[in-house]
Protein backbone atom coordinates (compact mmCIF):
# COMPACT_ATOMS: atom_id res chain seq x y z
CA MET A 1 -24.15 60.48 11.50
CA THR A 2 -24.76 58.47 8.37
CA SER A 3 -28.37 57.95 7.52
CA GLU A 4 -29.85 54.57 6.65
CA LEU A 5 -30.46 55.80 3.09
CA GLU A 6 -26.76 56.67 2.68
CA LEU A 7 -25.81 53.19 3.94
CA LEU A 8 -28.18 51.59 1.44
CA ILE A 9 -26.80 53.72 -1.39
CA ASP A 10 -23.22 52.69 -0.46
CA GLU A 11 -24.24 49.03 -0.22
CA ASN A 12 -26.01 49.22 -3.58
CA SER A 13 -22.97 50.80 -5.17
CA ALA A 14 -20.70 48.06 -3.78
CA LEU A 15 -23.08 45.36 -5.02
CA LYS A 16 -23.20 46.90 -8.52
CA LYS A 17 -19.40 46.89 -8.59
CA ARG A 18 -19.33 43.23 -7.52
CA VAL A 19 -21.87 42.30 -10.22
CA GLU A 20 -19.64 43.96 -12.84
CA GLU A 21 -16.63 41.99 -11.57
CA LEU A 22 -18.57 38.73 -11.73
CA GLN A 23 -19.82 39.53 -15.24
CA GLU A 24 -16.21 40.08 -16.35
CA THR A 25 -15.21 36.76 -14.79
CA ILE A 26 -18.05 34.94 -16.54
CA ALA A 27 -17.16 36.58 -19.86
CA PHE A 28 -13.54 35.51 -19.40
CA TYR A 29 -14.49 31.88 -18.73
CA GLU A 30 -16.94 31.85 -21.64
CA ALA A 31 -14.16 33.05 -23.92
CA HIS A 32 -11.73 30.48 -22.49
CA ALA A 33 -13.83 27.32 -22.09
CA THR A 34 -10.80 25.02 -21.87
CA LEU A 35 -9.40 27.04 -18.99
CA PHE A 36 -12.75 26.81 -17.20
CA GLU A 37 -12.76 23.01 -17.60
CA GLY A 38 -9.27 22.91 -16.12
CA VAL A 39 -10.29 24.99 -13.13
CA ARG A 40 -13.28 22.70 -12.58
CA GLY A 41 -11.04 19.61 -12.65
CA GLU A 42 -8.58 21.17 -10.22
CA SER A 43 -11.41 22.09 -7.86
CA ILE A 44 -12.89 18.58 -7.96
CA VAL A 45 -9.55 16.89 -7.30
CA SER A 46 -8.37 19.33 -4.63
CA SER A 47 -11.57 18.74 -2.66
CA LEU A 48 -11.11 14.95 -2.96
CA VAL A 49 -7.46 14.84 -1.90
CA GLY A 50 -7.41 17.82 0.47
CA GLY A 51 -4.77 19.71 -1.47
CA SER A 52 -4.21 23.38 -2.27
CA ILE A 53 -4.60 24.68 -5.81
CA THR A 54 -1.43 26.40 -7.00
CA ALA A 55 -1.17 29.70 -8.86
CA TYR A 56 -1.86 29.80 -12.59
CA ALA A 57 1.09 28.63 -14.75
CA GLU A 58 2.84 26.72 -11.96
CA GLY A 59 4.59 23.46 -12.85
CA HIS A 60 1.67 21.52 -11.33
CA ASP A 61 -1.90 22.22 -10.18
CA ILE A 62 -2.20 20.97 -6.61
CA ASP A 63 0.15 20.89 -3.64
CA LEU A 64 -0.53 18.25 -1.05
CA VAL A 65 1.25 17.53 2.20
CA THR A 66 0.72 14.01 3.55
CA GLY A 67 2.48 11.71 5.96
CA GLU A 68 4.74 10.82 3.02
CA GLY A 69 5.77 14.45 2.54
CA ALA A 70 4.98 16.95 -0.20
CA THR A 71 3.18 15.70 -3.30
CA ARG A 72 2.70 17.61 -6.55
CA ILE A 73 -0.39 16.75 -8.59
CA GLU A 74 -1.19 17.72 -12.17
CA VAL A 75 -4.89 17.59 -13.12
CA LYS A 76 -6.28 17.32 -16.63
CA MET A 77 -10.03 17.52 -17.25
CA ALA A 78 -11.80 16.35 -20.40
CA SER A 79 -15.36 16.55 -21.66
CA LEU A 80 -16.89 13.95 -23.92
CA ASN A 81 -15.67 14.50 -27.47
CA VAL A 82 -17.02 13.17 -30.76
CA PRO A 83 -13.88 12.38 -32.79
CA VAL A 84 -15.82 11.56 -35.99
CA LEU A 85 -18.97 13.52 -36.77
CA GLY A 86 -22.00 11.24 -36.74
CA ALA A 87 -20.18 8.29 -35.16
CA SER A 88 -21.29 6.75 -31.87
CA THR A 89 -17.75 6.70 -30.52
CA ARG A 90 -16.93 9.16 -27.76
CA ARG A 91 -13.54 9.84 -26.26
CA TRP A 92 -11.66 11.96 -23.83
CA ALA A 93 -8.71 14.03 -24.98
CA TRP A 94 -6.34 15.40 -22.38
CA GLY A 95 -3.79 17.79 -23.85
CA LYS A 96 -0.47 19.32 -22.86
CA ILE A 97 0.26 16.48 -20.45
CA LEU A 98 3.85 17.65 -20.05
CA GLY A 99 3.00 21.34 -20.41
CA GLU A 100 4.48 23.84 -22.82
CA GLY A 101 7.86 22.47 -23.82
CA GLY A 102 7.73 19.68 -21.22
CA LYS A 103 7.99 22.06 -18.27
CA LYS A 104 5.39 20.45 -16.00
CA GLU A 105 6.84 19.11 -12.75
CA TYR A 106 4.60 16.76 -10.83
CA ASP A 107 4.53 13.44 -9.03
CA TRP A 108 1.05 12.30 -10.03
CA LEU A 109 -1.19 12.95 -13.01
CA ILE A 110 -4.92 12.74 -12.34
CA LEU A 111 -7.05 12.56 -15.46
CA VAL A 112 -10.70 13.49 -14.98
CA GLY A 113 -13.31 12.70 -17.61
CA LYS A 114 -16.99 13.42 -17.76
CA LYS A 115 -18.68 10.00 -17.78
CA ASP A 116 -20.35 8.58 -20.87
CA GLU A 117 -23.84 7.60 -19.69
CA ARG A 118 -23.81 4.51 -21.94
CA TYR A 119 -21.12 2.82 -19.83
CA LEU A 120 -22.03 3.80 -16.28
CA SER A 121 -22.09 0.19 -15.09
CA ASP A 122 -18.49 -0.22 -16.30
CA TYR A 123 -17.17 2.74 -14.33
CA PRO A 124 -16.56 2.86 -10.59
CA GLU A 125 -19.16 4.77 -8.55
CA GLN A 126 -22.21 5.17 -10.74
CA ASP A 127 -23.37 8.11 -8.62
CA VAL A 128 -20.27 10.22 -9.39
CA PRO A 129 -20.42 12.11 -12.73
CA TYR A 130 -16.67 11.79 -13.41
CA ILE A 131 -14.17 9.03 -14.02
CA PHE A 132 -10.65 9.29 -12.61
CA PHE A 133 -7.30 7.88 -13.64
CA LEU A 134 -4.35 8.16 -11.24
CA VAL A 135 -1.03 7.87 -13.09
CA PRO A 136 2.42 8.16 -11.53
CA LYS A 137 4.63 10.61 -13.43
CA THR A 138 7.05 7.76 -14.19
CA ASP A 139 4.35 6.04 -16.29
CA VAL A 140 2.99 9.07 -18.16
CA GLU A 141 5.16 8.84 -21.27
CA LYS A 142 4.19 5.25 -21.99
CA ILE A 143 0.49 6.15 -22.26
CA MET A 144 0.65 9.50 -24.03
CA SER A 145 0.90 10.49 -27.67
CA GLN A 146 2.84 13.33 -29.19
CA THR A 147 0.66 15.62 -31.30
CA GLY A 148 2.91 18.17 -32.92
CA ARG A 149 4.75 19.89 -30.14
CA TYR A 150 2.21 18.90 -27.49
CA SER A 151 1.75 15.71 -25.52
CA ALA A 152 -1.75 14.28 -25.19
CA ILE A 153 -3.70 11.25 -24.04
CA PHE A 154 -6.71 10.06 -26.04
CA LEU A 155 -9.04 7.39 -24.68
CA THR A 156 -12.36 5.98 -25.84
CA THR A 157 -15.11 6.18 -23.24
CA ASN A 158 -15.98 2.53 -23.86
CA PRO A 159 -13.98 0.41 -21.40
CA ARG A 160 -15.15 -2.78 -23.14
CA LYS A 161 -13.46 -1.90 -26.40
CA PRO A 162 -10.23 -3.80 -27.11
CA LYS A 163 -7.27 -2.05 -25.54
CA ARG A 164 -5.34 -1.49 -28.78
CA SER A 165 -3.96 1.91 -27.92
CA LYS A 166 -1.23 2.52 -25.44
CA ALA A 167 -3.70 4.68 -23.53
CA GLY A 168 -6.02 1.66 -23.30
CA ILE A 169 -4.10 0.40 -20.28
CA LEU A 170 -5.56 3.33 -18.35
CA TYR A 171 -8.69 1.27 -17.61
CA GLU A 172 -6.78 -1.75 -16.39
CA GLN A 173 -4.01 -0.10 -14.40
CA TYR A 174 -4.97 3.44 -13.48
CA MET A 175 -8.77 3.82 -13.21
CA VAL A 176 -9.73 4.70 -9.63
CA SER A 177 -12.83 5.76 -7.77
CA SER A 178 -13.09 9.04 -5.91
CA SER A 179 -12.94 7.00 -2.68
CA GLU A 180 -9.66 5.45 -3.80
CA LEU A 181 -8.25 8.92 -4.54
CA LYS A 182 -9.23 10.06 -1.05
CA SER A 183 -7.66 7.07 0.65
CA ARG A 184 -4.50 7.13 -1.52
CA PHE A 185 -3.76 10.68 -0.43
CA GLY A 186 -4.70 10.28 3.22
CA LEU A 187 -8.25 11.61 3.53
């Protein structure tokens, strides 16, 4: 019969192993901050729309089955960036919109940006820390830019600024609240 001490030693050993695994995971995400941001965005959106996150390197990030059938969603997450050092302007930059070599296959693109506290009253849902843009795949190319061999979308965090860029139409046509995302996809 196994003694209580032996059980505790086994449990302690298993916990030490788990701590090592978690430390490796944290180290990986610290070394790959962009990947971590992406995972966070996928997690936020999947919980809002009720979808399943796909495997890494799939042609899209979330699978969703609704009354309309299967829907493929690509999620891009952006932090607040300072494009010019010392300037007050902030922007979001979402990269690789079409994936490596244009291989992404999705029906909807959901852009997630960390809100700029200066414009909270201009964004939907002041109590939600993120802003969302829901873009049908058919409209993606008209709002993106090509940067070298990658596609990207750049947008100032100030929705009051004149909409001079092609991405500026995001505020007028594609900005949605988290509640609108939920209802659009049947939750």
